[in-house]
N, C-alpha and C. Protein backbone atom coordinates (compact mmCIF):
# COMPACT_ATOMS: atom_id res chain seq x y z
N MET A 1 83.51 103.16 82.96
CA MET A 1 84.65 102.30 83.06
C MET A 1 84.59 101.29 81.91
N ASP A 2 85.74 101.02 81.30
CA ASP A 2 85.77 100.08 80.19
C ASP A 2 86.74 98.94 80.49
N LEU A 3 86.86 98.03 79.56
CA LEU A 3 87.73 96.87 79.74
C LEU A 3 89.19 97.29 79.91
N GLN A 4 89.61 98.37 79.24
CA GLN A 4 90.99 98.83 79.37
C GLN A 4 91.32 99.19 80.82
N HIS A 5 90.36 99.78 81.51
CA HIS A 5 90.55 100.14 82.92
C HIS A 5 90.91 98.90 83.75
N PHE A 6 90.19 97.81 83.52
CA PHE A 6 90.46 96.59 84.28
C PHE A 6 91.82 96.01 83.93
N GLN A 7 92.20 96.08 82.66
CA GLN A 7 93.53 95.61 82.25
C GLN A 7 94.61 96.48 82.87
N ASP A 8 94.41 97.80 82.88
CA ASP A 8 95.37 98.71 83.50
C ASP A 8 95.54 98.38 84.98
N GLU A 9 94.44 98.13 85.66
CA GLU A 9 94.52 97.81 87.09
C GLU A 9 95.34 96.54 87.31
N GLN A 10 95.12 95.53 86.49
CA GLN A 10 95.89 94.29 86.62
C GLN A 10 97.37 94.54 86.31
N ASP A 11 97.66 95.35 85.30
CA ASP A 11 99.04 95.65 84.94
C ASP A 11 99.75 96.42 86.06
N ILE A 12 99.04 97.37 86.66
CA ILE A 12 99.60 98.15 87.77
C ILE A 12 99.88 97.24 88.96
N LYS A 13 98.95 96.38 89.28
CA LYS A 13 99.15 95.44 90.39
C LYS A 13 100.33 94.52 90.13
N ALA A 14 100.55 94.14 88.88
CA ALA A 14 101.70 93.30 88.54
C ALA A 14 103.02 94.05 88.76
N VAL A 15 103.06 95.33 88.38
CA VAL A 15 104.26 96.15 88.62
C VAL A 15 104.52 96.25 90.12
N LEU A 16 103.47 96.49 90.90
CA LEU A 16 103.65 96.66 92.34
C LEU A 16 103.98 95.34 93.03
N ALA A 17 103.49 94.23 92.51
CA ALA A 17 103.89 92.92 93.04
C ALA A 17 105.38 92.68 92.80
N LYS A 18 105.88 93.09 91.64
CA LYS A 18 107.30 92.97 91.33
C LYS A 18 108.11 93.89 92.25
N TYR A 19 107.60 95.09 92.51
CA TYR A 19 108.24 96.02 93.45
C TYR A 19 108.36 95.36 94.83
N LEU A 20 107.28 94.75 95.31
CA LEU A 20 107.30 94.10 96.62
C LEU A 20 108.28 92.93 96.63
N GLU A 21 108.35 92.18 95.54
CA GLU A 21 109.30 91.08 95.44
C GLU A 21 110.74 91.59 95.56
N GLY A 22 111.06 92.65 94.81
CA GLY A 22 112.41 93.22 94.85
C GLY A 22 112.77 93.75 96.22
N SER A 23 111.80 94.38 96.89
CA SER A 23 112.04 94.88 98.25
C SER A 23 112.33 93.73 99.19
N CYS A 24 111.49 92.71 99.15
CA CYS A 24 111.64 91.54 100.03
C CYS A 24 112.98 90.86 99.81
N LYS A 25 113.38 90.71 98.55
CA LYS A 25 114.64 90.03 98.24
C LYS A 25 115.85 90.93 98.39
N GLY A 26 115.62 92.24 98.63
CA GLY A 26 116.74 93.16 98.77
C GLY A 26 117.56 93.26 97.50
N ASP A 27 116.87 93.29 96.36
CA ASP A 27 117.56 93.21 95.08
C ASP A 27 117.06 94.31 94.13
N SER A 28 117.86 95.33 93.94
CA SER A 28 117.44 96.45 93.09
C SER A 28 117.30 96.06 91.63
N SER A 29 117.94 94.97 91.20
CA SER A 29 117.79 94.57 89.80
C SER A 29 116.35 94.13 89.50
N ILE A 30 115.63 93.69 90.52
CA ILE A 30 114.21 93.37 90.37
C ILE A 30 113.39 94.64 90.43
N LEU A 31 113.80 95.60 91.24
CA LEU A 31 113.06 96.86 91.43
C LEU A 31 113.17 97.80 90.23
N LYS A 32 114.35 97.93 89.67
CA LYS A 32 114.62 98.96 88.66
C LYS A 32 113.62 98.96 87.50
N PRO A 33 113.25 97.81 86.94
CA PRO A 33 112.29 97.85 85.83
C PRO A 33 110.91 98.39 86.22
N CYS A 34 110.61 98.45 87.50
CA CYS A 34 109.32 98.95 87.97
C CYS A 34 109.25 100.47 87.95
N PHE A 35 110.40 101.13 87.94
CA PHE A 35 110.47 102.57 88.11
C PHE A 35 110.81 103.29 86.81
N HIS A 36 110.25 104.47 86.66
CA HIS A 36 110.65 105.38 85.58
C HIS A 36 112.08 105.82 85.86
N LYS A 37 112.85 106.04 84.83
CA LYS A 37 114.27 106.41 85.01
C LYS A 37 114.45 107.70 85.80
N ASP A 38 113.46 108.60 85.80
CA ASP A 38 113.55 109.86 86.52
C ASP A 38 112.72 109.87 87.80
N ALA A 39 112.39 108.69 88.32
CA ALA A 39 111.54 108.60 89.52
C ALA A 39 112.22 109.26 90.72
N VAL A 40 111.39 109.69 91.65
CA VAL A 40 111.87 110.31 92.88
C VAL A 40 111.24 109.62 94.08
N LEU A 41 111.88 109.80 95.21
CA LEU A 41 111.48 109.18 96.47
C LEU A 41 111.33 110.28 97.51
N TYR A 42 110.23 110.25 98.24
CA TYR A 42 110.00 111.19 99.33
C TYR A 42 109.51 110.44 100.55
N TRP A 43 109.89 110.90 101.73
CA TRP A 43 109.26 110.40 102.94
C TRP A 43 108.96 111.57 103.84
N ASP A 44 108.04 111.35 104.77
CA ASP A 44 107.56 112.45 105.60
C ASP A 44 108.59 112.82 106.66
N GLY A 45 108.54 114.06 107.02
CA GLY A 45 109.44 114.59 108.02
C GLY A 45 109.34 116.11 108.04
N ALA A 46 109.93 116.71 109.04
CA ALA A 46 109.82 118.15 109.21
C ALA A 46 110.49 118.91 108.06
N ASP A 47 111.61 118.42 107.58
CA ASP A 47 112.36 119.08 106.51
C ASP A 47 112.25 118.22 105.25
N THR A 48 111.24 118.50 104.42
CA THR A 48 110.99 117.63 103.27
C THR A 48 112.14 117.63 102.27
N ASP A 49 112.91 118.71 102.18
CA ASP A 49 114.03 118.72 101.26
C ASP A 49 115.08 117.67 101.64
N ALA A 50 115.23 117.46 102.94
CA ALA A 50 116.20 116.46 103.42
C ALA A 50 115.67 115.05 103.26
N HIS A 51 114.41 114.93 102.90
CA HIS A 51 113.78 113.62 102.81
C HIS A 51 113.34 113.30 101.38
N SER A 52 114.10 113.74 100.42
CA SER A 52 113.81 113.41 99.03
C SER A 52 115.11 113.03 98.32
N HIS A 53 114.98 112.09 97.42
CA HIS A 53 116.15 111.59 96.70
C HIS A 53 115.75 111.12 95.32
N ALA A 54 116.71 111.10 94.42
CA ALA A 54 116.53 110.39 93.16
C ALA A 54 116.41 108.91 93.49
N ILE A 55 115.76 108.17 92.64
CA ILE A 55 115.44 106.78 92.96
C ILE A 55 116.69 105.91 93.13
N GLN A 56 117.81 106.29 92.55
CA GLN A 56 119.03 105.48 92.72
C GLN A 56 119.41 105.35 94.19
N TRP A 57 119.13 106.38 94.99
CA TRP A 57 119.41 106.33 96.42
C TRP A 57 118.67 105.15 97.05
N PHE A 58 117.40 104.95 96.65
CA PHE A 58 116.58 103.85 97.15
C PHE A 58 117.17 102.50 96.70
N PHE A 59 117.54 102.41 95.43
CA PHE A 59 118.12 101.16 94.93
C PHE A 59 119.39 100.81 95.71
N ASP A 60 120.24 101.79 95.93
CA ASP A 60 121.47 101.55 96.68
C ASP A 60 121.17 101.10 98.11
N ALA A 61 120.18 101.73 98.74
CA ALA A 61 119.80 101.36 100.11
C ALA A 61 119.27 99.94 100.17
N ILE A 62 118.43 99.56 99.21
CA ILE A 62 117.88 98.20 99.18
C ILE A 62 119.01 97.19 99.03
N ASP A 63 119.93 97.43 98.12
CA ASP A 63 121.06 96.50 97.93
C ASP A 63 121.93 96.42 99.18
N ARG A 64 122.14 97.55 99.83
CA ARG A 64 122.98 97.60 101.02
C ARG A 64 122.33 96.85 102.19
N MET A 65 121.02 96.98 102.34
CA MET A 65 120.32 96.35 103.47
C MET A 65 120.01 94.88 103.25
N GLY A 66 119.96 94.46 101.99
CA GLY A 66 119.77 93.05 101.69
C GLY A 66 118.35 92.57 101.91
N PRO A 67 118.17 91.25 101.82
CA PRO A 67 116.83 90.68 101.88
C PRO A 67 116.22 90.74 103.28
N ASP A 68 114.90 90.72 103.28
CA ASP A 68 114.14 90.63 104.52
C ASP A 68 114.29 89.21 105.05
N ASP A 69 114.42 89.05 106.36
CA ASP A 69 114.49 87.71 106.95
C ASP A 69 113.19 86.94 106.76
N ASP A 70 112.08 87.68 106.69
CA ASP A 70 110.77 87.07 106.48
C ASP A 70 110.57 86.89 104.98
N GLU A 71 110.53 85.67 104.51
CA GLU A 71 110.39 85.42 103.07
C GLU A 71 109.00 85.73 102.55
N HIS A 72 108.03 85.89 103.46
CA HIS A 72 106.65 86.18 103.06
C HIS A 72 106.07 87.30 103.93
N PRO A 73 106.65 88.51 103.82
CA PRO A 73 106.13 89.61 104.64
C PRO A 73 104.72 90.00 104.20
N MET A 74 103.97 90.58 105.13
CA MET A 74 102.61 91.01 104.82
C MET A 74 102.64 92.20 103.88
N SER A 75 101.67 92.24 102.97
CA SER A 75 101.55 93.39 102.08
C SER A 75 100.13 93.45 101.53
N CYS A 76 99.76 94.64 101.07
CA CYS A 76 98.49 94.82 100.38
C CYS A 76 98.67 95.95 99.37
N VAL A 77 97.93 95.86 98.27
CA VAL A 77 98.00 96.85 97.20
C VAL A 77 96.59 97.31 96.88
N ASN A 78 96.40 98.63 96.86
CA ASN A 78 95.12 99.22 96.47
C ASN A 78 95.37 100.22 95.36
N VAL A 79 94.80 99.99 94.20
CA VAL A 79 94.87 100.96 93.12
C VAL A 79 93.77 101.98 93.40
N LEU A 80 94.17 103.23 93.65
CA LEU A 80 93.22 104.25 94.07
C LEU A 80 92.55 104.96 92.91
N SER A 81 93.31 105.20 91.84
CA SER A 81 92.76 105.93 90.70
C SER A 81 93.59 105.67 89.46
N ILE A 82 92.89 105.56 88.34
CA ILE A 82 93.55 105.42 87.03
C ILE A 82 92.84 106.38 86.09
N THR A 83 93.60 107.24 85.44
CA THR A 83 93.04 108.13 84.42
C THR A 83 93.98 108.14 83.24
N ASP A 84 93.59 107.46 82.18
CA ASP A 84 94.39 107.34 80.96
C ASP A 84 95.82 106.93 81.27
N GLY A 85 96.75 107.89 81.26
CA GLY A 85 98.16 107.56 81.39
C GLY A 85 98.76 107.75 82.76
N ILE A 86 97.95 108.01 83.79
CA ILE A 86 98.49 108.16 85.14
C ILE A 86 97.64 107.36 86.12
N ALA A 87 98.26 106.99 87.24
CA ALA A 87 97.55 106.23 88.27
C ALA A 87 98.19 106.50 89.62
N VAL A 88 97.42 106.24 90.67
CA VAL A 88 97.90 106.35 92.04
C VAL A 88 97.51 105.07 92.77
N ALA A 89 98.46 104.53 93.53
CA ALA A 89 98.20 103.31 94.29
C ALA A 89 98.77 103.45 95.70
N GLN A 90 98.18 102.71 96.61
CA GLN A 90 98.65 102.64 97.99
C GLN A 90 99.16 101.22 98.23
N VAL A 91 100.36 101.14 98.79
CA VAL A 91 100.97 99.86 99.10
C VAL A 91 101.26 99.84 100.59
N GLY A 92 100.76 98.84 101.27
CA GLY A 92 101.10 98.62 102.67
C GLY A 92 102.00 97.40 102.74
N GLU A 93 103.04 97.48 103.54
CA GLU A 93 103.94 96.34 103.63
C GLU A 93 104.69 96.33 104.95
N THR A 94 105.09 95.15 105.33
CA THR A 94 106.06 95.03 106.42
C THR A 94 107.39 94.69 105.77
N TRP A 95 108.44 95.27 106.30
CA TRP A 95 109.78 95.03 105.76
C TRP A 95 110.77 95.16 106.90
N LYS A 96 111.53 94.10 107.12
CA LYS A 96 112.53 94.06 108.18
C LYS A 96 111.91 94.43 109.53
N GLY A 97 110.70 93.92 109.77
CA GLY A 97 110.02 94.12 111.05
C GLY A 97 109.37 95.48 111.22
N MET A 98 109.34 96.29 110.18
CA MET A 98 108.72 97.62 110.26
C MET A 98 107.53 97.68 109.30
N ALA A 99 106.56 98.52 109.64
CA ALA A 99 105.36 98.68 108.81
C ALA A 99 105.46 99.98 108.03
N TYR A 100 105.16 99.90 106.74
CA TYR A 100 105.25 101.06 105.84
C TYR A 100 103.95 101.24 105.07
N THR A 101 103.66 102.49 104.75
CA THR A 101 102.64 102.82 103.76
C THR A 101 103.34 103.62 102.67
N ASP A 102 103.17 103.16 101.42
CA ASP A 102 103.71 103.85 100.25
C ASP A 102 102.55 104.36 99.42
N TYR A 103 102.71 105.55 98.87
CA TYR A 103 101.80 106.06 97.85
C TYR A 103 102.63 106.17 96.59
N MET A 104 102.23 105.42 95.58
CA MET A 104 102.97 105.37 94.33
C MET A 104 102.18 106.10 93.25
N SER A 105 102.85 107.01 92.56
CA SER A 105 102.26 107.57 91.35
C SER A 105 102.91 106.84 90.19
N LEU A 106 102.10 106.45 89.23
CA LEU A 106 102.58 105.68 88.09
C LEU A 106 102.22 106.39 86.80
N VAL A 107 103.04 106.18 85.78
CA VAL A 107 102.78 106.72 84.45
C VAL A 107 102.83 105.58 83.44
N ARG A 108 101.99 105.71 82.42
CA ARG A 108 102.02 104.73 81.34
C ARG A 108 103.13 105.14 80.37
N THR A 109 104.00 104.22 80.07
CA THR A 109 105.10 104.46 79.12
C THR A 109 104.96 103.44 77.99
N PRO A 110 105.72 103.60 76.92
CA PRO A 110 105.69 102.58 75.86
C PRO A 110 106.07 101.18 76.38
N GLU A 111 106.83 101.13 77.47
CA GLU A 111 107.24 99.85 78.06
C GLU A 111 106.25 99.35 79.10
N GLY A 112 105.16 100.07 79.33
CA GLY A 112 104.18 99.69 80.35
C GLY A 112 104.16 100.68 81.50
N TRP A 113 103.42 100.33 82.54
CA TRP A 113 103.30 101.20 83.70
C TRP A 113 104.61 101.24 84.47
N LYS A 114 105.02 102.46 84.90
CA LYS A 114 106.24 102.66 85.67
C LYS A 114 105.93 103.56 86.87
N ILE A 115 106.59 103.29 87.98
CA ILE A 115 106.45 104.13 89.17
C ILE A 115 107.24 105.41 88.94
N ALA A 116 106.55 106.56 89.03
CA ALA A 116 107.20 107.86 88.83
C ALA A 116 107.64 108.47 90.15
N SER A 117 106.89 108.18 91.21
CA SER A 117 107.29 108.65 92.53
C SER A 117 106.80 107.69 93.60
N LYS A 118 107.59 107.61 94.65
CA LYS A 118 107.28 106.77 95.81
C LYS A 118 107.32 107.69 97.00
N LEU A 119 106.19 107.87 97.66
CA LEU A 119 106.10 108.63 98.89
C LEU A 119 105.80 107.63 100.00
N PHE A 120 106.59 107.65 101.07
CA PHE A 120 106.35 106.62 102.08
C PHE A 120 106.40 107.15 103.49
N HIS A 121 105.74 106.38 104.35
CA HIS A 121 105.73 106.64 105.79
C HIS A 121 106.11 105.34 106.49
N ASN A 122 107.04 105.44 107.42
CA ASN A 122 107.43 104.31 108.26
C ASN A 122 106.64 104.43 109.55
N HIS A 123 105.71 103.51 109.78
CA HIS A 123 104.88 103.55 110.99
C HIS A 123 105.65 103.10 112.23
N SER A 124 106.79 102.48 112.03
CA SER A 124 107.53 101.88 113.12
C SER A 124 108.65 102.75 113.69
N ALA A 125 108.88 103.89 113.05
CA ALA A 125 109.97 104.75 113.50
C ALA A 125 109.60 106.20 113.24
N ASP A 126 110.14 107.07 114.07
CA ASP A 126 109.95 108.50 113.84
C ASP A 126 111.10 108.98 112.98
N LEU A 127 110.85 109.11 111.67
CA LEU A 127 111.90 109.49 110.73
C LEU A 127 112.19 110.98 110.72
N SER A 128 111.40 111.77 111.45
CA SER A 128 111.59 113.21 111.43
C SER A 128 112.72 113.65 112.34
N LYS A 129 113.31 112.73 113.09
CA LYS A 129 114.38 113.09 114.03
C LYS A 129 115.72 112.69 113.50
């Protein structure tokens, strides 16, 4: 492990902190810079094709649902792995009274680290129905 690894970890955590801020505020204009333009969203369920979308679907949903009533929801970020230009992180958060686990894959771009995919599970609801 070298110094670049530690800088990458800090940069990734900064991107994910901005992601959490945008989610909490219900504002996709804060979220969009965190994501790669071709990012995708998946969530678990019996029919995975019905549970995947281009990231714009997520941005629209966040704007439609608005800010969380809790201005300081619980969250945690764990960077699981970094290898040169790719990384994987786990984000736990509460949002609008529900608990989520996100697995984010990130890619290094000329503009910095960007989320390429967001896979999530809602612990508070059965999304497969």
